[in-house]
């Protein structure tokens, strides 16, 4: 799936069946369902899961918690816009 196809899927009512939980978390976030995105992200015990978790807490405004999760993800605390970070994570996961 390309980034364009992934973004296009956000218009639908359910995430594409072929995407993993990491991408599902980003999909739900893009749909405005922070809770569903967070529920998925916190169950994924990988660096990528921690990165999404960090992004979600930054979006929420909880920068202390976000910082903790960036550290767990081995990522610097993001200074980009939320939209830019979302796209960066999505690109990484789709590759």
N, C-alpha and C. Protein backbone atom coordinates (compact mmCIF):
# COMPACT_ATOMS: atom_id res chain seq x y z
N UNK A 1 0.85 -1.17 0.00
CA UNK A 1 0.00 0.00 0.00
C UNK A 1 0.90 1.24 0.00
N UNK A 2 0.53 2.20 -0.83
CA UNK A 2 1.28 3.46 -0.87
C UNK A 2 0.73 4.43 0.17
N UNK A 3 1.47 5.49 0.41
CA UNK A 3 1.01 6.51 1.33
C UNK A 3 -0.29 7.13 0.81
N UNK A 4 -0.35 7.37 -0.47
CA UNK A 4 -1.58 7.94 -1.06
C UNK A 4 -2.78 7.03 -0.87
N UNK A 5 -2.59 5.74 -1.07
CA UNK A 5 -3.67 4.78 -0.87
C UNK A 5 -4.09 4.73 0.59
N UNK A 6 -3.11 4.79 1.48
CA UNK A 6 -3.41 4.79 2.91
C UNK A 6 -4.22 6.01 3.29
N UNK A 7 -3.80 7.17 2.81
CA UNK A 7 -4.54 8.40 3.10
C UNK A 7 -5.95 8.34 2.51
N UNK A 8 -6.08 7.79 1.34
CA UNK A 8 -7.39 7.65 0.69
C UNK A 8 -8.32 6.74 1.52
N UNK A 9 -7.74 5.73 2.17
CA UNK A 9 -8.54 4.79 2.95
C UNK A 9 -9.21 5.45 4.14
N UNK A 10 -8.72 6.60 4.54
CA UNK A 10 -9.28 7.31 5.70
C UNK A 10 -10.69 7.79 5.41
N UNK A 11 -11.05 7.86 4.15
CA UNK A 11 -12.41 8.27 3.77
C UNK A 11 -13.44 7.18 4.06
N UNK A 12 -12.97 5.95 4.26
CA UNK A 12 -13.87 4.83 4.51
C UNK A 12 -14.21 4.72 6.00
N UNK A 13 -15.20 3.92 6.30
CA UNK A 13 -15.65 3.81 7.70
C UNK A 13 -14.84 2.80 8.51
N UNK A 14 -14.08 1.93 7.85
CA UNK A 14 -13.25 0.96 8.54
C UNK A 14 -11.86 0.95 7.93
N UNK A 15 -10.84 0.61 8.74
CA UNK A 15 -9.49 0.56 8.19
C UNK A 15 -9.37 -0.60 7.20
N UNK A 16 -8.45 -0.48 6.25
CA UNK A 16 -8.23 -1.59 5.32
C UNK A 16 -7.85 -2.86 6.09
N UNK A 17 -8.37 -3.98 5.65
CA UNK A 17 -8.12 -5.24 6.33
C UNK A 17 -6.68 -5.69 6.32
N UNK A 18 -5.92 -5.24 5.34
CA UNK A 18 -4.55 -5.73 5.20
C UNK A 18 -3.51 -4.94 6.00
N UNK A 19 -3.91 -3.90 6.72
CA UNK A 19 -2.90 -3.13 7.46
C UNK A 19 -2.72 -3.67 8.87
N UNK A 20 -1.52 -3.52 9.38
CA UNK A 20 -1.20 -4.01 10.72
C UNK A 20 -1.71 -3.04 11.80
N UNK A 21 -1.54 -3.42 13.05
CA UNK A 21 -2.04 -2.61 14.16
C UNK A 21 -1.37 -1.24 14.24
N UNK A 22 -0.11 -1.15 13.84
CA UNK A 22 0.58 0.13 13.86
C UNK A 22 -0.12 1.12 12.92
N UNK A 23 -0.36 0.66 11.69
CA UNK A 23 -1.04 1.52 10.73
C UNK A 23 -2.50 1.76 11.12
N UNK A 24 -3.12 0.78 11.74
CA UNK A 24 -4.48 0.98 12.22
C UNK A 24 -4.52 2.11 13.24
N UNK A 25 -3.53 2.18 14.11
CA UNK A 25 -3.48 3.26 15.11
C UNK A 25 -3.40 4.61 14.42
N UNK A 26 -2.56 4.73 13.40
CA UNK A 26 -2.48 5.99 12.66
C UNK A 26 -3.79 6.28 11.92
N UNK A 27 -4.40 5.23 11.38
CA UNK A 27 -5.67 5.38 10.67
C UNK A 27 -6.74 5.95 11.60
N UNK A 28 -6.86 5.35 12.79
CA UNK A 28 -7.87 5.84 13.74
C UNK A 28 -7.57 7.27 14.18
N UNK A 29 -6.29 7.58 14.36
CA UNK A 29 -5.94 8.95 14.71
C UNK A 29 -6.38 9.91 13.62
N UNK A 30 -6.12 9.56 12.37
CA UNK A 30 -6.51 10.41 11.25
C UNK A 30 -8.03 10.58 11.17
N UNK A 31 -8.77 9.59 11.64
CA UNK A 31 -10.22 9.66 11.66
C UNK A 31 -10.75 10.48 12.85
N UNK A 32 -9.83 10.90 13.72
CA UNK A 32 -10.23 11.69 14.88
C UNK A 32 -10.57 10.85 16.10
N UNK A 33 -10.23 9.59 16.07
CA UNK A 33 -10.52 8.69 17.20
C UNK A 33 -9.23 8.44 17.98
N UNK A 34 -8.84 9.44 18.77
CA UNK A 34 -7.60 9.37 19.55
C UNK A 34 -7.61 8.15 20.48
N UNK A 35 -8.73 7.90 21.11
CA UNK A 35 -8.82 6.78 22.08
C UNK A 35 -8.53 5.44 21.42
N UNK A 36 -9.14 5.18 20.27
CA UNK A 36 -8.89 3.91 19.57
C UNK A 36 -7.43 3.81 19.15
N UNK A 37 -6.88 4.93 18.66
CA UNK A 37 -5.47 4.95 18.26
C UNK A 37 -4.57 4.67 19.45
N UNK A 38 -4.86 5.30 20.56
CA UNK A 38 -4.05 5.11 21.77
C UNK A 38 -4.18 3.69 22.30
N UNK A 39 -5.38 3.16 22.31
CA UNK A 39 -5.58 1.78 22.78
C UNK A 39 -4.73 0.80 21.98
N UNK A 40 -4.68 0.98 20.68
CA UNK A 40 -3.85 0.11 19.84
C UNK A 40 -2.37 0.34 20.12
N UNK A 41 -1.95 1.59 20.12
CA UNK A 41 -0.52 1.91 20.28
C UNK A 41 0.04 1.39 21.60
N UNK A 42 -0.71 1.50 22.66
CA UNK A 42 -0.16 1.09 23.96
C UNK A 42 -0.04 -0.42 24.11
N UNK A 43 -0.64 -1.17 23.20
CA UNK A 43 -0.53 -2.63 23.23
C UNK A 43 0.64 -3.15 22.38
N UNK A 44 1.28 -2.26 21.63
CA UNK A 44 2.35 -2.66 20.72
C UNK A 44 3.70 -2.35 21.37
N UNK A 45 4.37 -3.39 21.83
CA UNK A 45 5.63 -3.22 22.57
C UNK A 45 6.84 -3.28 21.65
N UNK A 46 6.86 -2.35 20.69
CA UNK A 46 7.99 -2.22 19.78
C UNK A 46 8.38 -0.75 19.73
N UNK A 47 9.53 -0.47 19.12
CA UNK A 47 9.95 0.93 18.96
C UNK A 47 8.93 1.71 18.14
N UNK A 48 8.39 1.09 17.09
CA UNK A 48 7.39 1.76 16.26
C UNK A 48 6.12 2.05 17.06
N UNK A 49 5.70 1.11 17.88
CA UNK A 49 4.54 1.33 18.73
C UNK A 49 4.77 2.47 19.71
N UNK A 50 5.99 2.52 20.25
CA UNK A 50 6.34 3.62 21.17
C UNK A 50 6.36 4.96 20.45
N UNK A 51 6.80 4.96 19.19
CA UNK A 51 6.83 6.20 18.43
C UNK A 51 5.41 6.73 18.21
N UNK A 52 4.49 5.85 17.84
CA UNK A 52 3.10 6.27 17.66
C UNK A 52 2.53 6.74 19.00
N UNK A 53 2.86 6.03 20.05
CA UNK A 53 2.40 6.40 21.39
C UNK A 53 2.90 7.79 21.75
N UNK A 54 4.17 8.07 21.44
CA UNK A 54 4.76 9.40 21.69
C UNK A 54 4.01 10.47 20.91
N UNK A 55 3.82 10.20 19.62
CA UNK A 55 3.10 11.15 18.76
C UNK A 55 1.71 11.45 19.34
N UNK A 56 1.00 10.42 19.76
CA UNK A 56 -0.36 10.61 20.28
C UNK A 56 -0.36 11.45 21.55
N UNK A 57 0.62 11.23 22.44
CA UNK A 57 0.68 12.03 23.66
C UNK A 57 1.10 13.47 23.36
N UNK A 58 1.94 13.65 22.35
CA UNK A 58 2.29 15.02 21.93
C UNK A 58 1.04 15.70 21.39
N UNK A 59 0.27 15.00 20.60
CA UNK A 59 -0.97 15.55 20.05
C UNK A 59 -1.94 15.92 21.17
N UNK A 60 -1.97 15.08 22.20
CA UNK A 60 -2.84 15.31 23.34
C UNK A 60 -2.38 16.52 24.16
N UNK A 61 -1.11 16.88 24.03
CA UNK A 61 -0.56 17.99 24.80
C UNK A 61 0.19 17.55 26.04
N UNK A 62 0.35 16.25 26.23
CA UNK A 62 1.06 15.70 27.38
C UNK A 62 2.53 15.50 26.99
N UNK A 63 3.29 16.59 26.99
CA UNK A 63 4.66 16.55 26.48
C UNK A 63 5.61 15.73 27.35
N UNK A 64 5.37 15.68 28.65
CA UNK A 64 6.20 14.86 29.52
C UNK A 64 6.06 13.39 29.19
N UNK A 65 4.84 12.93 29.02
CA UNK A 65 4.57 11.54 28.67
C UNK A 65 5.09 11.27 27.26
N UNK A 66 4.89 12.21 26.34
CA UNK A 66 5.39 12.05 24.98
C UNK A 66 6.90 11.87 24.99
N UNK A 67 7.58 12.66 25.78
CA UNK A 67 9.05 12.58 25.87
C UNK A 67 9.50 11.19 26.31
N UNK A 68 8.81 10.64 27.28
CA UNK A 68 9.11 9.29 27.75
C UNK A 68 9.00 8.29 26.60
N UNK A 69 7.91 8.39 25.82
CA UNK A 69 7.69 7.44 24.74
C UNK A 69 8.64 7.66 23.58
N UNK A 70 9.05 8.91 23.31
CA UNK A 70 10.07 9.13 22.29
C UNK A 70 11.36 8.44 22.69
N UNK A 71 11.70 8.54 23.95
CA UNK A 71 12.91 7.87 24.46
C UNK A 71 12.80 6.36 24.25
N UNK A 72 11.66 5.77 24.59
CA UNK A 72 11.45 4.33 24.41
C UNK A 72 11.51 3.93 22.94
N UNK A 73 11.15 4.86 22.06
CA UNK A 73 11.15 4.60 20.62
C UNK A 73 12.51 4.86 19.98
N UNK A 74 13.46 5.34 20.78
CA UNK A 74 14.77 5.74 20.24
C UNK A 74 14.62 6.82 19.17
N UNK A 75 13.72 7.74 19.42
CA UNK A 75 13.45 8.86 18.51
C UNK A 75 13.66 10.17 19.28
N UNK A 76 14.16 11.19 18.58
CA UNK A 76 14.22 12.50 19.25
C UNK A 76 12.81 13.05 19.42
N UNK A 77 12.64 13.90 20.41
CA UNK A 77 11.35 14.56 20.58
C UNK A 77 11.09 15.38 19.32
N UNK A 78 9.96 15.16 18.73
CA UNK A 78 9.64 15.77 17.43
C UNK A 78 9.33 17.25 17.57
N UNK A 79 9.88 18.03 16.67
CA UNK A 79 9.63 19.47 16.63
C UNK A 79 8.81 19.86 15.39
N UNK A 80 8.52 18.88 14.53
CA UNK A 80 7.73 19.12 13.32
C UNK A 80 6.26 19.29 13.70
N UNK A 81 5.47 19.68 12.71
CA UNK A 81 4.03 19.74 12.94
C UNK A 81 3.51 18.32 13.16
N UNK A 82 2.37 18.22 13.77
CA UNK A 82 1.77 16.90 13.98
C UNK A 82 1.48 16.22 12.66
N UNK A 83 1.01 16.98 11.67
CA UNK A 83 0.72 16.40 10.35
C UNK A 83 1.99 15.86 9.71
N UNK A 84 3.08 16.58 9.83
CA UNK A 84 4.36 16.12 9.26
C UNK A 84 4.84 14.86 9.96
N UNK A 85 4.69 14.82 11.28
CA UNK A 85 5.13 13.62 12.00
C UNK A 85 4.25 12.42 11.66
N UNK A 86 2.95 12.63 11.58
CA UNK A 86 2.04 11.54 11.22
C UNK A 86 2.47 10.95 9.88
N UNK A 87 2.74 11.82 8.91
CA UNK A 87 3.14 11.35 7.58
C UNK A 87 4.49 10.64 7.62
N UNK A 88 5.41 11.16 8.41
CA UNK A 88 6.73 10.51 8.55
C UNK A 88 6.59 9.11 9.11
N UNK A 89 5.78 8.95 10.14
CA UNK A 89 5.56 7.62 10.73
C UNK A 89 4.90 6.70 9.71
N UNK A 90 3.86 7.20 9.05
CA UNK A 90 3.15 6.39 8.06
C UNK A 90 4.10 5.93 6.95
N UNK A 91 4.91 6.83 6.43
CA UNK A 91 5.88 6.46 5.39
C UNK A 91 6.81 5.37 5.87
N UNK A 92 7.32 5.52 7.08
CA UNK A 92 8.23 4.52 7.65
C UNK A 92 7.56 3.17 7.76
N UNK A 93 6.33 3.15 8.21
CA UNK A 93 5.62 1.88 8.40
C UNK A 93 5.20 1.24 7.10
N UNK A 94 4.97 2.04 6.09
CA UNK A 94 4.54 1.50 4.79
C UNK A 94 5.71 0.97 3.97
N UNK A 95 6.91 1.35 4.33
CA UNK A 95 8.11 0.85 3.59
C UNK A 95 8.48 -0.54 4.01
